[in-house]
Amino acid sequence: MRNLWQAEIYYLRKDLAFKSVTAVFALASLALVLILGSKGGYDLGSYAEPLKTAASFSILFYLVIPLHACFFATEGFEHGSVQNIIAAGHSKAKYFTGKYVLELLAVLGWLLEFYGLFYLFYLAAALITGAPIGHAGYTEDLWAGMTALGLNLLYLGAYCAVVMMLGMLIRKPASAVVAAFFFIFGNLLLSGYLKDASSAILRAVSEHSLMTQILKFSGMYVENSQLILLSGTGDYMRALWIPAVWILLSLTIALTVLEKRDIQI
């Protein structure tokens, strides 16, 4: 397993897509700070407020990271390296789980990168421009920011599990990317168009979609002109078990099918 991880880590370090995603989040953190400052200045209610503000841009992660996960899952089939890995004695289950764990580590790195740079850029801009920084609501802002960070890791884990499962089943990068697009934007449609449906079943589907929960903990979910946030034990429990079910189902399906399908070596 150690040799497998070393090989995959080496691939990630050389991967242009990995470097591009890293650069995108670095540039996005700076650009968003500049845009926010140009519109409303850099006044802060507390030193933790930038962390809460960063959470409102969570949707950016779900438009970029799952596509990288899809490419990462299928690169072995495209370049033929999976045959060499299987021939070296590694199981197909170990190959898939190794890739999934490494993608989660990459996700954690990207989240910390974006949150950290956004916070530093915002705080630096406030100090340079002489914007006032208060002390009210520090605990609430810190809790909101850290909660969003943790939930983003969980939900990105769910998205990656689904698209990597699709990649392992389809095995062709172009077709897998199309399937990933359908999943990503399908969740957006479920959240946006079904929440006002006349059918109670369709509204329940929308309420339990991944994107609905993401928009809620990001502070971006609006219903009947009201901002809806996670509140109470029930909401937080729902926000936890929905992605957990997606992860469990996706990993189970991927591992089951991989064991039954041959990889030509």
C-alpha atoms as a PDB file:
ATOM      1  CA  MET A   1       0.000   0.000   0.000  1.00  0.00           C
ATOM      2  CA  ARG A   2       2.870   2.343   0.808  1.00  0.00           C
ATOM      3  CA  ASN A   3       4.391   1.931  -2.652  1.00  0.00           C
ATOM      4  CA  LEU A   4       0.993   2.540  -4.226  1.00  0.00           C
ATOM      5  CA  TRP A   5       0.510   5.760  -2.277  1.00  0.00           C
ATOM      6  CA  GLN A   6       3.992   6.958  -3.145  1.00  0.00           C
ATOM      7  CA  ALA A   7       3.282   6.399  -6.836  1.00  0.00           C
ATOM      8  CA  GLU A   8      -0.056   8.238  -6.674  1.00  0.00           C
ATOM      9  CA  ILE A   9       1.420  11.125  -4.663  1.00  0.00           C
ATOM     10  CA  TYR A  10       4.188  11.430  -7.247  1.00  0.00           C
ATOM     11  CA  TYR A  11       1.535  11.563  -9.975  1.00  0.00           C
ATOM     12  CA  LEU A  12      -0.397  14.301  -8.136  1.00  0.00           C
ATOM     13  CA  ARG A  13       2.730  16.404  -7.721  1.00  0.00           C
ATOM     14  CA  LYS A  14       3.350  16.249 -11.467  1.00  0.00           C
ATOM     15  CA  ASP A  15      -0.314  16.515 -12.466  1.00  0.00           C
ATOM     16  CA  LEU A  16      -1.139  19.739 -14.326  1.00  0.00           C
ATOM     17  CA  ALA A  17      -4.798  19.527 -13.244  1.00  0.00           C
ATOM     18  CA  PHE A  18      -3.782  19.363  -9.563  1.00  0.00           C
ATOM     19  CA  LYS A  19      -1.505  22.380  -9.975  1.00  0.00           C
ATOM     20  CA  SER A  20      -4.228  24.244 -11.868  1.00  0.00           C
ATOM     21  CA  VAL A  21      -6.836  23.680  -9.155  1.00  0.00           C
ATOM     22  CA  THR A  22      -4.349  24.847  -6.529  1.00  0.00           C
ATOM     23  CA  ALA A  23      -3.652  27.999  -8.538  1.00  0.00           C
ATOM     24  CA  VAL A  24      -7.370  28.624  -9.120  1.00  0.00           C
ATOM     25  CA  PHE A  25      -8.158  28.627  -5.391  1.00  0.00           C
ATOM     26  CA  ALA A  26      -5.202  30.889  -4.616  1.00  0.00           C
ATOM     27  CA  LEU A  27      -6.245  33.402  -7.270  1.00  0.00           C
ATOM     28  CA  ALA A  28      -9.930  33.104  -6.331  1.00  0.00           C
ATOM     29  CA  SER A  29      -9.230  33.927  -2.682  1.00  0.00           C
ATOM     30  CA  LEU A  30      -7.402  37.117  -3.688  1.00  0.00           C
ATOM     31  CA  ALA A  31      -9.907  38.121  -6.368  1.00  0.00           C
ATOM     32  CA  LEU A  32     -12.900  37.662  -4.057  1.00  0.00           C
ATOM     33  CA  VAL A  33     -11.291  39.778  -1.340  1.00  0.00           C
ATOM     34  CA  LEU A  34     -10.632  42.571  -3.861  1.00  0.00           C
ATOM     35  CA  ILE A  35     -14.174  42.392  -5.223  1.00  0.00           C
ATOM     36  CA  LEU A  36     -15.737  42.482  -1.752  1.00  0.00           C
ATOM     37  CA  GLY A  37     -13.544  45.382  -0.742  1.00  0.00           C
ATOM     38  CA  SER A  38     -14.389  47.385  -3.826  1.00  0.00           C
ATOM     39  CA  LYS A  39     -18.102  47.041  -3.100  1.00  0.00           C
ATOM     40  CA  GLY A  40     -18.345  47.464   0.656  1.00  0.00           C
ATOM     41  CA  GLY A  41     -14.930  48.118   2.114  1.00  0.00           C
ATOM     42  CA  TYR A  42     -13.083  45.958   4.605  1.00  0.00           C
ATOM     43  CA  ASP A  43     -14.868  46.796   7.856  1.00  0.00           C
ATOM     44  CA  LEU A  44     -14.947  43.766  10.162  1.00  0.00           C
ATOM     45  CA  GLY A  45     -17.250  43.030  13.048  1.00  0.00           C
ATOM     46  CA  SER A  46     -14.658  40.622  14.463  1.00  0.00           C
ATOM     47  CA  TYR A  47     -11.331  39.041  13.578  1.00  0.00           C
ATOM     48  CA  ALA A  48     -13.161  35.821  12.687  1.00  0.00           C
ATOM     49  CA  GLU A  49     -15.646  37.407  10.278  1.00  0.00           C
ATOM     50  CA  PRO A  50     -13.558  36.624   7.139  1.00  0.00           C
ATOM     51  CA  LEU A  51     -13.885  32.915   7.945  1.00  0.00           C
ATOM     52  CA  LYS A  52     -17.660  33.242   7.953  1.00  0.00           C
ATOM     53  CA  THR A  53     -17.537  35.238   4.730  1.00  0.00           C
ATOM     54  CA  ALA A  54     -15.330  32.625   3.069  1.00  0.00           C
ATOM     55  CA  ALA A  55     -18.009  30.004   3.787  1.00  0.00           C
ATOM     56  CA  SER A  56     -20.453  31.869   1.530  1.00  0.00           C
ATOM     57  CA  PHE A  57     -18.290  30.946  -1.484  1.00  0.00           C
ATOM     58  CA  SER A  58     -18.436  27.206  -0.770  1.00  0.00           C
ATOM     59  CA  ILE A  59     -20.226  26.438  -4.034  1.00  0.00           C
ATOM     60  CA  LEU A  60     -16.987  27.237  -5.890  1.00  0.00           C
ATOM     61  CA  PHE A  61     -15.449  24.024  -4.544  1.00  0.00           C
ATOM     62  CA  TYR A  62     -18.219  21.862  -6.016  1.00  0.00           C
ATOM     63  CA  LEU A  63     -17.767  23.264  -9.513  1.00  0.00           C
ATOM     64  CA  VAL A  64     -14.049  22.448  -9.595  1.00  0.00           C
ATOM     65  CA  ILE A  65     -12.949  19.679  -7.218  1.00  0.00           C
ATOM     66  CA  PRO A  66     -15.324  16.870  -8.355  1.00  0.00           C
ATOM     67  CA  LEU A  67     -14.024  17.215 -11.919  1.00  0.00           C
ATOM     68  CA  HIS A  68     -10.456  16.766 -10.695  1.00  0.00           C
ATOM     69  CA  ALA A  69     -11.582  13.699  -8.734  1.00  0.00           C
ATOM     70  CA  CYS A  70     -13.111  12.292 -11.915  1.00  0.00           C
ATOM     71  CA  PHE A  71      -9.884  12.745 -13.885  1.00  0.00           C
ATOM     72  CA  PHE A  72      -7.852  11.315 -11.012  1.00  0.00           C
ATOM     73  CA  ALA A  73     -10.051   8.216 -10.896  1.00  0.00           C
ATOM     74  CA  THR A  74      -9.725   7.513 -14.621  1.00  0.00           C
ATOM     75  CA  GLU A  75      -6.110   8.460 -15.323  1.00  0.00           C
ATOM     76  CA  GLY A  76      -4.927   4.922 -14.635  1.00  0.00           C
ATOM     77  CA  PHE A  77      -7.189   3.538 -17.352  1.00  0.00           C
ATOM     78  CA  GLU A  78      -6.230   6.280 -19.810  1.00  0.00           C
ATOM     79  CA  HIS A  79      -2.478   5.866 -19.359  1.00  0.00           C
ATOM     80  CA  GLY A  80      -2.494   2.125 -18.658  1.00  0.00           C
ATOM     81  CA  SER A  81      -0.868   2.419 -15.235  1.00  0.00           C
ATOM     82  CA  VAL A  82      -3.701   0.517 -13.542  1.00  0.00           C
ATOM     83  CA  GLN A  83      -2.643  -2.671 -15.347  1.00  0.00           C
ATOM     84  CA  ASN A  84       0.879  -2.352 -13.975  1.00  0.00           C
ATOM     85  CA  ILE A  85      -0.409  -1.712 -10.462  1.00  0.00           C
ATOM     86  CA  ILE A  86      -2.712  -4.761 -10.530  1.00  0.00           C
ATOM     87  CA  ALA A  87       0.065  -6.883 -12.048  1.00  0.00           C
ATOM     88  CA  ALA A  88       2.341  -5.818  -9.175  1.00  0.00           C
ATOM     89  CA  GLY A  89       0.004  -7.557  -6.734  1.00  0.00           C
ATOM     90  CA  HIS A  90      -2.225  -4.703  -5.526  1.00  0.00           C
ATOM     91  CA  SER A  91      -5.919  -5.449  -5.326  1.00  0.00           C
ATOM     92  CA  LYS A  92      -8.495  -3.415  -7.230  1.00  0.00           C
ATOM     93  CA  ALA A  93     -10.134  -2.451  -3.925  1.00  0.00           C
ATOM     94  CA  LYS A  94      -6.825  -1.166  -2.578  1.00  0.00           C
ATOM     95  CA  TYR A  95      -6.241   0.791  -5.786  1.00  0.00           C
ATOM     96  CA  PHE A  96      -9.621   2.539  -5.553  1.00  0.00           C
ATOM     97  CA  THR A  97      -9.555   3.245  -1.817  1.00  0.00           C
ATOM     98  CA  GLY A  98      -5.996   4.552  -2.095  1.00  0.00           C
ATOM     99  CA  LYS A  99      -7.044   7.024  -4.760  1.00  0.00           C
ATOM    100  CA  TYR A 100     -10.104   8.087  -2.779  1.00  0.00           C
ATOM    101  CA  VAL A 101      -8.144   8.728   0.424  1.00  0.00           C
ATOM    102  CA  LEU A 102      -5.505  10.724  -1.457  1.00  0.00           C
ATOM    103  CA  GLU A 103      -8.203  12.797  -3.135  1.00  0.00           C
ATOM    104  CA  LEU A 104      -9.678  13.567   0.300  1.00  0.00           C
ATOM    105  CA  LEU A 105      -6.246  14.712   1.474  1.00  0.00           C
ATOM    106  CA  ALA A 106      -6.005  16.941  -1.589  1.00  0.00           C
ATOM    107  CA  VAL A 107      -9.478  18.315  -0.817  1.00  0.00           C
ATOM    108  CA  LEU A 108      -8.436  19.116   2.745  1.00  0.00           C
ATOM    109  CA  GLY A 109      -5.358  20.898   1.424  1.00  0.00           C
ATOM    110  CA  TRP A 110      -7.424  22.982  -1.008  1.00  0.00           C
ATOM    111  CA  LEU A 111      -9.943  23.927   1.684  1.00  0.00           C
ATOM    112  CA  LEU A 112      -7.211  25.031   4.066  1.00  0.00           C
ATOM    113  CA  GLU A 113      -5.512  26.902   1.233  1.00  0.00           C
ATOM    114  CA  PHE A 114      -8.643  28.839   0.257  1.00  0.00           C
ATOM    115  CA  TYR A 115      -9.800  29.584   3.805  1.00  0.00           C
ATOM    116  CA  GLY A 116      -6.302  30.488   4.974  1.00  0.00           C
ATOM    117  CA  LEU A 117      -5.440  32.768   2.046  1.00  0.00           C
ATOM    118  CA  PHE A 118      -8.859  34.414   2.055  1.00  0.00           C
ATOM    119  CA  TYR A 119      -8.508  35.154   5.768  1.00  0.00           C
ATOM    120  CA  LEU A 120      -4.971  36.519   5.430  1.00  0.00           C
ATOM    121  CA  PHE A 121      -5.779  38.641   2.362  1.00  0.00           C
ATOM    122  CA  TYR A 122      -8.924  40.043   3.979  1.00  0.00           C
ATOM    123  CA  LEU A 123      -7.229  40.827   7.274  1.00  0.00           C
ATOM    124  CA  ALA A 124      -4.231  42.380   5.486  1.00  0.00           C
ATOM    125  CA  ALA A 125      -6.540  44.540   3.374  1.00  0.00           C
ATOM    126  CA  ALA A 126      -8.399  45.702   6.480  1.00  0.00           C
ATOM    127  CA  LEU A 127      -5.159  46.619   8.240  1.00  0.00           C
ATOM    128  CA  ILE A 128      -3.651  48.353   5.198  1.00  0.00           C
ATOM    129  CA  THR A 129      -6.771  50.442   4.523  1.00  0.00           C
ATOM    130  CA  GLY A 130      -7.288  51.230   8.196  1.00  0.00           C
ATOM    131  CA  ALA A 131     -10.751  49.648   8.257  1.00  0.00           C
ATOM    132  CA  PRO A 132     -12.233  49.262  11.745  1.00  0.00           C
ATOM    133  CA  ILE A 133     -12.168  45.780  13.287  1.00  0.00           C
ATOM    134  CA  GLY A 134     -14.614  45.089  16.093  1.00  0.00           C
ATOM    135  CA  HIS A 135     -14.862  42.326  18.661  1.00  0.00           C
ATOM    136  CA  ALA A 136     -18.580  41.561  18.588  1.00  0.00           C
ATOM    137  CA  GLY A 137     -19.697  38.100  17.485  1.00  0.00           C
ATOM    138  CA  TYR A 138     -16.219  36.565  17.373  1.00  0.00           C
ATOM    139  CA  THR A 139     -17.395  33.181  18.704  1.00  0.00           C
ATOM    140  CA  GLU A 140     -20.377  33.026  16.337  1.00  0.00           C
ATOM    141  CA  ASP A 141     -18.281  33.944  13.303  1.00  0.00           C
ATOM    142  CA  LEU A 142     -15.582  31.424  14.209  1.00  0.00           C
ATOM    143  CA  TRP A 143     -18.164  28.676  14.742  1.00  0.00           C
ATOM    144  CA  ALA A 144     -19.857  29.435  11.402  1.00  0.00           C
ATOM    145  CA  GLY A 145     -16.556  29.402   9.536  1.00  0.00           C
ATOM    146  CA  MET A 146     -15.219  26.220  11.122  1.00  0.00           C
ATOM    147  CA  THR A 147     -18.555  24.420  10.769  1.00  0.00           C
ATOM    148  CA  ALA A 148     -18.656  25.248   7.069  1.00  0.00           C
ATOM    149  CA  LEU A 149     -15.051  24.071   6.683  1.00  0.00           C
ATOM    150  CA  GLY A 150     -15.824  20.703   8.290  1.00  0.00           C
ATOM    151  CA  LEU A 151     -19.072  20.216   6.385  1.00  0.00           C
ATOM    152  CA  ASN A 152     -17.414  21.178   3.099  1.00  0.00           C
ATOM    153  CA  LEU A 153     -14.856  18.425   3.673  1.00  0.00           C
ATOM    154  CA  LEU A 154     -17.665  15.928   4.311  1.00  0.00           C
ATOM    155  CA  TYR A 155     -19.754  17.002   1.319  1.00  0.00           C
ATOM    156  CA  LEU A 156     -16.782  17.153  -1.025  1.00  0.00           C
ATOM    157  CA  GLY A 157     -16.009  13.641   0.189  1.00  0.00           C
ATOM    158  CA  ALA A 158     -19.504  12.654  -0.945  1.00  0.00           C
ATOM    159  CA  TYR A 159     -19.147  14.341  -4.326  1.00  0.00           C
ATOM    160  CA  CYS A 160     -15.738  12.758  -4.875  1.00  0.00           C
ATOM    161  CA  ALA A 161     -17.042   9.333  -3.887  1.00  0.00           C
ATOM    162  CA  VAL A 162     -19.831   9.570  -6.464  1.00  0.00           C
ATOM    163  CA  VAL A 163     -17.747  10.890  -9.377  1.00  0.00           C
ATOM    164  CA  MET A 164     -14.850   8.532  -8.640  1.00  0.00           C
ATOM    165  CA  MET A 165     -17.328   5.653  -8.595  1.00  0.00           C
ATOM    166  CA  LEU A 166     -18.608   6.824 -11.989  1.00  0.00           C
ATOM    167  CA  GLY A 167     -15.032   7.092 -13.232  1.00  0.00           C
ATOM    168  CA  MET A 168     -14.166   3.576 -12.100  1.00  0.00           C
ATOM    169  CA  LEU A 169     -17.312   2.158 -13.698  1.00  0.00           C
ATOM    170  CA  ILE A 170     -17.103   4.053 -17.000  1.00  0.00           C
ATOM    171  CA  ARG A 171     -13.270   4.069 -17.214  1.00  0.00           C
ATOM    172  CA  LYS A 172     -13.232   6.534 -20.131  1.00  0.00           C
ATOM    173  CA  PRO A 173     -12.275  10.077 -19.031  1.00  0.00           C
ATOM    174  CA  ALA A 174     -14.484  11.953 -21.503  1.00  0.00           C
ATOM    175  CA  SER A 175     -17.591   9.884 -20.758  1.00  0.00           C
ATOM    176  CA  ALA A 176     -16.910   9.968 -17.011  1.00  0.00           C
ATOM    177  CA  VAL A 177     -16.615  13.771 -17.064  1.00  0.00           C
ATOM    178  CA  VAL A 178     -19.991  14.030 -18.812  1.00  0.00           C
ATOM    179  CA  ALA A 179     -21.537  11.806 -16.139  1.00  0.00           C
ATOM    180  CA  ALA A 180     -19.901  13.932 -13.426  1.00  0.00           C
ATOM    181  CA  PHE A 181     -21.348  17.085 -15.001  1.00  0.00           C
ATOM    182  CA  PHE A 182     -24.805  15.546 -14.927  1.00  0.00           C
ATOM    183  CA  PHE A 183     -24.411  14.699 -11.240  1.00  0.00           C
ATOM    184  CA  ILE A 184     -23.045  18.136 -10.266  1.00  0.00           C
ATOM    185  CA  PHE A 185     -25.615  20.200 -12.116  1.00  0.00           C
ATOM    186  CA  GLY A 186     -28.367  17.693 -11.438  1.00  0.00           C
ATOM    187  CA  ASN A 187     -27.946  18.450  -7.747  1.00  0.00           C
ATOM    188  CA  LEU A 188     -28.182  22.161  -8.502  1.00  0.00           C
ATOM    189  CA  LEU A 189     -31.420  21.591 -10.382  1.00  0.00           C
ATOM    190  CA  LEU A 190     -32.851  19.419  -7.614  1.00  0.00           C
ATOM    191  CA  SER A 191     -32.126  22.117  -5.079  1.00  0.00           C
ATOM    192  CA  GLY A 192     -33.311  25.053  -7.155  1.00  0.00           C
ATOM    193  CA  TYR A 193     -36.310  23.900  -9.152  1.00  0.00           C
ATOM    194  CA  LEU A 194     -37.951  21.286  -6.947  1.00  0.00           C
ATOM    195  CA  LYS A 195     -38.079  23.260  -3.682  1.00  0.00           C
ATOM    196  CA  ASP A 196     -41.184  25.119  -4.939  1.00  0.00           C
ATOM    197  CA  ALA A 197     -42.830  22.086  -6.561  1.00  0.00           C
ATOM    198  CA  SER A 198     -46.460  21.351  -5.795  1.00  0.00           C
ATOM    199  CA  SER A 199     -45.675  17.722  -4.970  1.00  0.00           C
ATOM    200  CA  ALA A 200     -44.621  17.002  -1.383  1.00  0.00           C
ATOM    201  CA  ILE A 201     -42.423  14.151  -2.646  1.00  0.00           C
ATOM    202  CA  LEU A 202     -40.505  16.431  -5.007  1.00  0.00           C
ATOM    203  CA  ARG A 203     -40.062  19.026  -2.276  1.00  0.00           C
ATOM    204  CA  ALA A 204     -38.712  16.299   0.025  1.00  0.00           C
ATOM    205  CA  VAL A 205     -36.244  15.229  -2.678  1.00  0.00           C
ATOM    206  CA  SER A 206     -35.062  18.828  -2.982  1.00  0.00           C
ATOM    207  CA  GLU A 207     -34.800  19.215   0.790  1.00  0.00           C
ATOM    208  CA  HIS A 208     -32.607  16.123   1.063  1.00  0.00           C
ATOM    209  CA  SER A 209     -30.356  16.883  -1.909  1.00  0.00           C
ATOM    210  CA  LEU A 210     -26.680  17.505  -1.297  1.00  0.00           C
ATOM    211  CA  MET A 211     -26.725  21.005  -2.781  1.00  0.00           C
ATOM    212  CA  THR A 212     -29.632  22.146  -0.594  1.00  0.00           C
ATOM    213  CA  GLN A 213     -27.644  21.283   2.525  1.00  0.00           C
ATOM    214  CA  ILE A 214     -24.512  22.926   1.094  1.00  0.00           C
ATOM    215  CA  LEU A 215     -26.380  26.161   0.399  1.00  0.00           C
ATOM    216  CA  LYS A 216     -27.834  26.101   3.910  1.00  0.00           C
ATOM    217  CA  PHE A 217     -24.572  25.784   5.830  1.00  0.00           C
ATOM    218  CA  SER A 218     -22.997  28.274   3.408  1.00  0.00           C
ATOM    219  CA  GLY A 219     -25.669  30.854   4.231  1.00  0.00           C
ATOM    220  CA  MET A 220     -26.955  31.027   0.647  1.00  0.00           C
ATOM    221  CA  TYR A 221     -30.273  29.150   0.749  1.00  0.00           C
ATOM    222  CA  VAL A 222     -33.254  31.434   0.217  1.00  0.00           C
ATOM    223  CA  GLU A 223     -36.873  30.296   0.390  1.00  0.00           C
ATOM    224  CA  ASN A 224     -39.893  32.608   0.220  1.00  0.00           C
ATOM    225  CA  SER A 225     -37.508  35.587   0.365  1.00  0.00           C
ATOM    226  CA  GLN A 226     -36.084  34.325   3.657  1.00  0.00           C
ATOM    227  CA  LEU A 227     -32.549  33.131   4.342  1.00  0.00           C
ATOM    228  CA  ILE A 228     -32.658  29.567   5.679  1.00  0.00           C
ATOM    229  CA  LEU A 229     -29.739  28.334   7.793  1.00  0.00           C
ATOM    230  CA  LEU A 230     -29.031  25.126   9.671  1.00  0.00           C
ATOM    231  CA  SER A 231     -30.590  25.395  13.102  1.00  0.00           C
ATOM    232  CA  GLY A 232     -31.247  22.820  15.766  1.00  0.00           C
ATOM    233  CA  THR A 233     -30.114  19.256  16.236  1.00  0.00           C
ATOM    234  CA  GLY A 234     -32.417  17.893  13.536  1.00  0.00           C
ATOM    235  CA  ASP A 235     -30.975  20.111  10.812  1.00  0.00           C
ATOM    236  CA  TYR A 236     -27.389  19.290  11.745  1.00  0.00           C
ATOM    237  CA  MET A 237     -28.109  15.555  11.942  1.00  0.00           C
ATOM    238  CA  ARG A 238     -29.680  15.681   8.476  1.00  0.00           C
ATOM    239  CA  ALA A 239     -26.674  17.608   7.183  1.00  0.00           C
ATOM    240  CA  LEU A 240     -24.423  14.814   8.461  1.00  0.00           C
ATOM    241  CA  TRP A 241     -26.261  11.671   7.438  1.00  0.00           C
ATOM    242  CA  ILE A 242     -27.132  12.718   3.872  1.00  0.00           C
ATOM    243  CA  PRO A 243     -23.491  12.866   2.620  1.00  0.00           C
ATOM    244  CA  ALA A 244     -22.597   9.859   4.783  1.00  0.00           C
ATOM    245  CA  VAL A 245     -25.204   7.773   2.922  1.00  0.00           C
ATOM    246  CA  TRP A 246     -23.877   8.945  -0.450  1.00  0.00           C
ATOM    247  CA  ILE A 247     -20.315   8.034   0.535  1.00  0.00           C
ATOM    248  CA  LEU A 248     -21.290   4.597   1.836  1.00  0.00           C
ATOM    249  CA  LEU A 249     -23.393   3.743  -1.218  1.00  0.00           C
ATOM    250  CA  SER A 250     -20.847   5.020  -3.724  1.00  0.00           C
ATOM    251  CA  LEU A 251     -17.889   3.219  -2.168  1.00  0.00           C
ATOM    252  CA  THR A 252     -19.882   0.005  -1.790  1.00  0.00           C
ATOM    253  CA  ILE A 253     -21.023   0.047  -5.423  1.00  0.00           C
ATOM    254  CA  ALA A 254     -17.555   0.929  -6.727  1.00  0.00           C
ATOM    255  CA  LEU A 255     -15.791  -1.788  -4.747  1.00  0.00           C
ATOM    256  CA  THR A 256     -18.426  -4.422  -5.538  1.00  0.00           C
ATOM    257  CA  VAL A 257     -18.378  -3.777  -9.276  1.00  0.00           C
ATOM    258  CA  LEU A 258     -14.583  -3.548  -9.402  1.00  0.00           C
ATOM    259  CA  GLU A 259     -14.278  -6.976  -7.812  1.00  0.00           C
ATOM    260  CA  LYS A 260     -16.638  -8.476 -10.393  1.00  0.00           C
ATOM    261  CA  ARG A 261     -15.197  -6.774 -13.478  1.00  0.00           C
ATOM    262  CA  ASP A 262     -11.869  -7.795 -14.906  1.00  0.00           C
ATOM    263  CA  ILE A 263      -9.053  -5.379 -15.659  1.00  0.00           C
ATOM    264  CA  GLN A 264      -6.998  -6.638 -18.552  1.00  0.00           C
ATOM    265  CA  ILE A 265      -3.306  -6.885 -17.592  1.00  0.00           C
END
